[in-house]
């Protein structure tokens, strides 16, 4: 999803999950999402800025490289 967002010029990726979805929250933390727990509403907002001050963030560069590498490897197998 991050590679898709980058490819389509999005500046941030946002999601919402439940506070008890520890797997999703842990994954979001590992990918440097900002985590905003809204106890009153019973949700967790997940926000990943893809660009800051017009520059693509480092985590996004890594994901783009991984995406392009896996796409290239997949095409070699066909």
N, C-alpha and C. Protein backbone atom coordinates (compact mmCIF):
# COMPACT_ATOMS: atom_id res chain seq x y z
N UNK A 1 0.82 -1.19 0.00
CA UNK A 1 0.00 0.00 0.00
C UNK A 1 0.87 1.26 0.00
N UNK A 2 1.99 1.18 0.69
CA UNK A 2 2.87 2.36 0.73
C UNK A 2 3.43 2.63 -0.66
N UNK A 3 3.87 1.60 -1.34
CA UNK A 3 4.40 1.76 -2.70
C UNK A 3 3.33 2.32 -3.63
N UNK A 4 2.10 1.86 -3.48
CA UNK A 4 0.99 2.35 -4.30
C UNK A 4 0.76 3.84 -4.03
N UNK A 5 0.74 4.20 -2.74
CA UNK A 5 0.53 5.61 -2.36
C UNK A 5 1.62 6.49 -2.95
N UNK A 6 2.87 6.03 -2.88
CA UNK A 6 3.98 6.79 -3.45
C UNK A 6 3.85 6.93 -4.95
N UNK A 7 3.50 5.83 -5.60
CA UNK A 7 3.38 5.83 -7.06
C UNK A 7 2.27 6.76 -7.55
N UNK A 8 1.29 7.00 -6.69
CA UNK A 8 0.16 7.85 -7.08
C UNK A 8 0.24 9.25 -6.48
N UNK A 9 1.42 9.64 -6.01
CA UNK A 9 1.66 11.00 -5.58
C UNK A 9 1.03 11.41 -4.25
N UNK A 10 0.64 10.45 -3.45
CA UNK A 10 0.05 10.78 -2.15
C UNK A 10 1.12 11.27 -1.19
N UNK A 11 0.75 12.17 -0.31
CA UNK A 11 1.72 12.75 0.62
C UNK A 11 1.66 12.12 2.00
N UNK A 12 0.58 11.39 2.27
CA UNK A 12 0.50 10.66 3.55
C UNK A 12 -0.45 9.49 3.36
N UNK A 13 -0.20 8.49 4.19
CA UNK A 13 -1.05 7.30 4.21
C UNK A 13 -1.69 7.25 5.59
N UNK A 14 -3.01 7.10 5.62
CA UNK A 14 -3.72 7.10 6.90
C UNK A 14 -4.58 5.86 7.02
N UNK A 15 -4.71 5.40 8.27
CA UNK A 15 -5.57 4.26 8.54
C UNK A 15 -6.13 4.35 9.95
N UNK A 16 -7.11 3.52 10.21
CA UNK A 16 -7.72 3.46 11.53
C UNK A 16 -7.82 1.98 11.90
N UNK A 17 -7.52 1.68 13.15
CA UNK A 17 -7.66 0.32 13.65
C UNK A 17 -8.23 0.37 15.06
N UNK A 18 -8.52 -0.78 15.58
CA UNK A 18 -9.03 -0.89 16.94
C UNK A 18 -7.84 -0.98 17.90
N UNK A 19 -8.00 -0.47 19.12
CA UNK A 19 -6.90 -0.51 20.08
C UNK A 19 -6.41 -1.92 20.42
N UNK A 20 -7.27 -2.93 20.29
CA UNK A 20 -6.86 -4.30 20.60
C UNK A 20 -6.18 -5.01 19.43
N UNK A 21 -6.03 -4.33 18.30
CA UNK A 21 -5.36 -4.92 17.13
C UNK A 21 -3.86 -4.66 17.25
N UNK A 22 -3.22 -5.37 18.18
CA UNK A 22 -1.81 -5.18 18.47
C UNK A 22 -0.91 -5.47 17.26
N UNK A 23 -1.29 -6.44 16.46
CA UNK A 23 -0.48 -6.77 15.28
C UNK A 23 -0.38 -5.59 14.32
N UNK A 24 -1.51 -4.94 14.05
CA UNK A 24 -1.51 -3.79 13.14
C UNK A 24 -0.76 -2.61 13.74
N UNK A 25 -0.96 -2.39 15.03
CA UNK A 25 -0.27 -1.27 15.69
C UNK A 25 1.24 -1.50 15.70
N UNK A 26 1.66 -2.73 15.97
CA UNK A 26 3.09 -3.06 15.96
C UNK A 26 3.69 -2.86 14.57
N UNK A 27 2.99 -3.33 13.54
CA UNK A 27 3.46 -3.15 12.17
C UNK A 27 3.57 -1.67 11.84
N UNK A 28 2.56 -0.90 12.22
CA UNK A 28 2.58 0.54 11.96
C UNK A 28 3.77 1.21 12.66
N UNK A 29 4.05 0.80 13.89
CA UNK A 29 5.20 1.36 14.61
C UNK A 29 6.50 1.03 13.89
N UNK A 30 6.64 -0.19 13.41
CA UNK A 30 7.87 -0.59 12.71
C UNK A 30 8.07 0.17 11.42
N UNK A 31 6.96 0.62 10.81
CA UNK A 31 7.04 1.37 9.56
C UNK A 31 7.04 2.88 9.80
N UNK A 32 7.19 3.29 11.06
CA UNK A 32 7.29 4.71 11.43
C UNK A 32 6.00 5.51 11.27
N UNK A 33 4.85 4.84 11.34
CA UNK A 33 3.58 5.56 11.36
C UNK A 33 3.49 6.34 12.67
N UNK A 34 2.84 7.48 12.64
CA UNK A 34 2.47 8.18 13.86
C UNK A 34 1.24 7.47 14.41
N UNK A 35 1.25 7.18 15.70
CA UNK A 35 0.17 6.44 16.35
C UNK A 35 -0.58 7.41 17.26
N UNK A 36 -1.88 7.53 17.05
CA UNK A 36 -2.70 8.43 17.86
C UNK A 36 -3.88 7.63 18.42
N UNK A 37 -3.78 7.26 19.69
CA UNK A 37 -4.82 6.46 20.34
C UNK A 37 -5.93 7.39 20.81
N UNK A 38 -7.13 7.11 20.38
CA UNK A 38 -8.31 7.87 20.77
C UNK A 38 -9.18 6.99 21.66
N UNK A 39 -8.84 6.95 22.94
CA UNK A 39 -9.53 6.07 23.89
C UNK A 39 -11.03 6.35 23.89
N UNK A 40 -11.40 7.62 23.94
CA UNK A 40 -12.82 8.00 23.99
C UNK A 40 -13.60 7.43 22.80
N UNK A 41 -12.99 7.46 21.62
CA UNK A 41 -13.64 6.97 20.40
C UNK A 41 -13.40 5.48 20.16
N UNK A 42 -12.47 4.89 20.90
CA UNK A 42 -12.17 3.47 20.74
C UNK A 42 -11.46 3.13 19.45
N UNK A 43 -10.64 4.06 18.97
CA UNK A 43 -9.90 3.82 17.73
C UNK A 43 -8.45 4.25 17.89
N UNK A 44 -7.63 3.79 16.95
CA UNK A 44 -6.24 4.22 16.85
C UNK A 44 -6.03 4.74 15.43
N UNK A 45 -5.64 6.00 15.32
CA UNK A 45 -5.32 6.59 14.02
C UNK A 45 -3.86 6.28 13.70
N UNK A 46 -3.62 5.86 12.48
CA UNK A 46 -2.27 5.53 12.01
C UNK A 46 -1.96 6.47 10.84
N UNK A 47 -0.90 7.24 10.94
CA UNK A 47 -0.58 8.20 9.89
C UNK A 47 0.90 8.08 9.52
N UNK A 48 1.16 7.88 8.24
CA UNK A 48 2.53 7.81 7.75
C UNK A 48 2.77 8.94 6.76
N UNK A 49 3.52 9.96 7.18
CA UNK A 49 3.88 11.00 6.21
C UNK A 49 4.84 10.39 5.18
N UNK A 50 4.54 10.59 3.92
CA UNK A 50 5.39 10.06 2.86
C UNK A 50 6.41 11.10 2.40
N UNK A 51 6.08 12.35 2.60
CA UNK A 51 6.97 13.45 2.23
C UNK A 51 6.99 14.45 3.37
N UNK A 52 8.11 15.12 3.54
CA UNK A 52 8.20 16.25 4.46
C UNK A 52 9.04 17.33 3.78
N UNK A 53 8.53 18.53 3.78
CA UNK A 53 9.21 19.64 3.10
C UNK A 53 9.57 19.30 1.66
N UNK A 54 8.67 18.60 0.98
CA UNK A 54 8.88 18.26 -0.42
C UNK A 54 9.84 17.11 -0.67
N UNK A 55 10.36 16.49 0.40
CA UNK A 55 11.32 15.39 0.24
C UNK A 55 10.70 14.08 0.71
N UNK A 56 10.92 13.05 -0.06
CA UNK A 56 10.42 11.73 0.29
C UNK A 56 11.15 11.20 1.52
N UNK A 57 10.42 10.63 2.46
CA UNK A 57 11.03 10.12 3.68
C UNK A 57 11.82 8.84 3.43
N UNK A 58 12.82 8.57 4.27
CA UNK A 58 13.73 7.44 4.08
C UNK A 58 12.99 6.11 4.06
N UNK A 59 12.02 5.89 4.96
CA UNK A 59 11.29 4.62 4.98
C UNK A 59 10.59 4.39 3.65
N UNK A 60 10.13 5.46 3.03
CA UNK A 60 9.45 5.34 1.75
C UNK A 60 10.42 4.94 0.65
N UNK A 61 11.64 5.46 0.71
CA UNK A 61 12.65 5.07 -0.28
C UNK A 61 12.95 3.58 -0.18
N UNK A 62 13.07 3.06 1.04
CA UNK A 62 13.35 1.64 1.25
C UNK A 62 12.21 0.81 0.70
N UNK A 63 10.98 1.18 0.99
CA UNK A 63 9.82 0.42 0.53
C UNK A 63 9.71 0.47 -0.98
N UNK A 64 10.00 1.63 -1.57
CA UNK A 64 9.95 1.73 -3.04
C UNK A 64 10.99 0.81 -3.67
N UNK A 65 12.19 0.78 -3.11
CA UNK A 65 13.25 -0.10 -3.62
C UNK A 65 12.84 -1.55 -3.49
N UNK A 66 12.27 -1.93 -2.34
CA UNK A 66 11.82 -3.31 -2.14
C UNK A 66 10.73 -3.66 -3.14
N UNK A 67 9.81 -2.74 -3.36
CA UNK A 67 8.71 -2.98 -4.30
C UNK A 67 9.25 -3.16 -5.72
N UNK A 68 10.13 -2.28 -6.13
CA UNK A 68 10.69 -2.37 -7.48
C UNK A 68 11.52 -3.64 -7.64
N UNK A 69 12.26 -4.02 -6.61
CA UNK A 69 13.08 -5.23 -6.66
C UNK A 69 12.20 -6.46 -6.78
N UNK A 70 11.14 -6.54 -5.99
CA UNK A 70 10.27 -7.72 -6.04
C UNK A 70 9.53 -7.76 -7.36
N UNK A 71 9.16 -6.62 -7.90
CA UNK A 71 8.47 -6.57 -9.20
C UNK A 71 9.41 -7.06 -10.29
N UNK A 72 10.67 -6.61 -10.25
CA UNK A 72 11.66 -7.02 -11.24
C UNK A 72 11.92 -8.53 -11.13
N UNK A 73 12.07 -9.04 -9.92
CA UNK A 73 12.32 -10.46 -9.71
C UNK A 73 11.14 -11.28 -10.21
N UNK A 74 9.93 -10.80 -9.94
CA UNK A 74 8.73 -11.51 -10.39
C UNK A 74 8.68 -11.56 -11.92
N UNK A 75 9.02 -10.46 -12.58
CA UNK A 75 9.00 -10.42 -14.04
C UNK A 75 10.05 -11.35 -14.64
N UNK A 76 11.17 -11.55 -13.95
CA UNK A 76 12.19 -12.45 -14.45
C UNK A 76 11.71 -13.90 -14.45
N UNK A 77 10.80 -14.22 -13.54
CA UNK A 77 10.29 -15.59 -13.45
C UNK A 77 9.27 -15.93 -14.49
N UNK A 78 8.74 -14.95 -15.20
CA UNK A 78 7.69 -15.21 -16.19
C UNK A 78 8.24 -15.47 -17.55
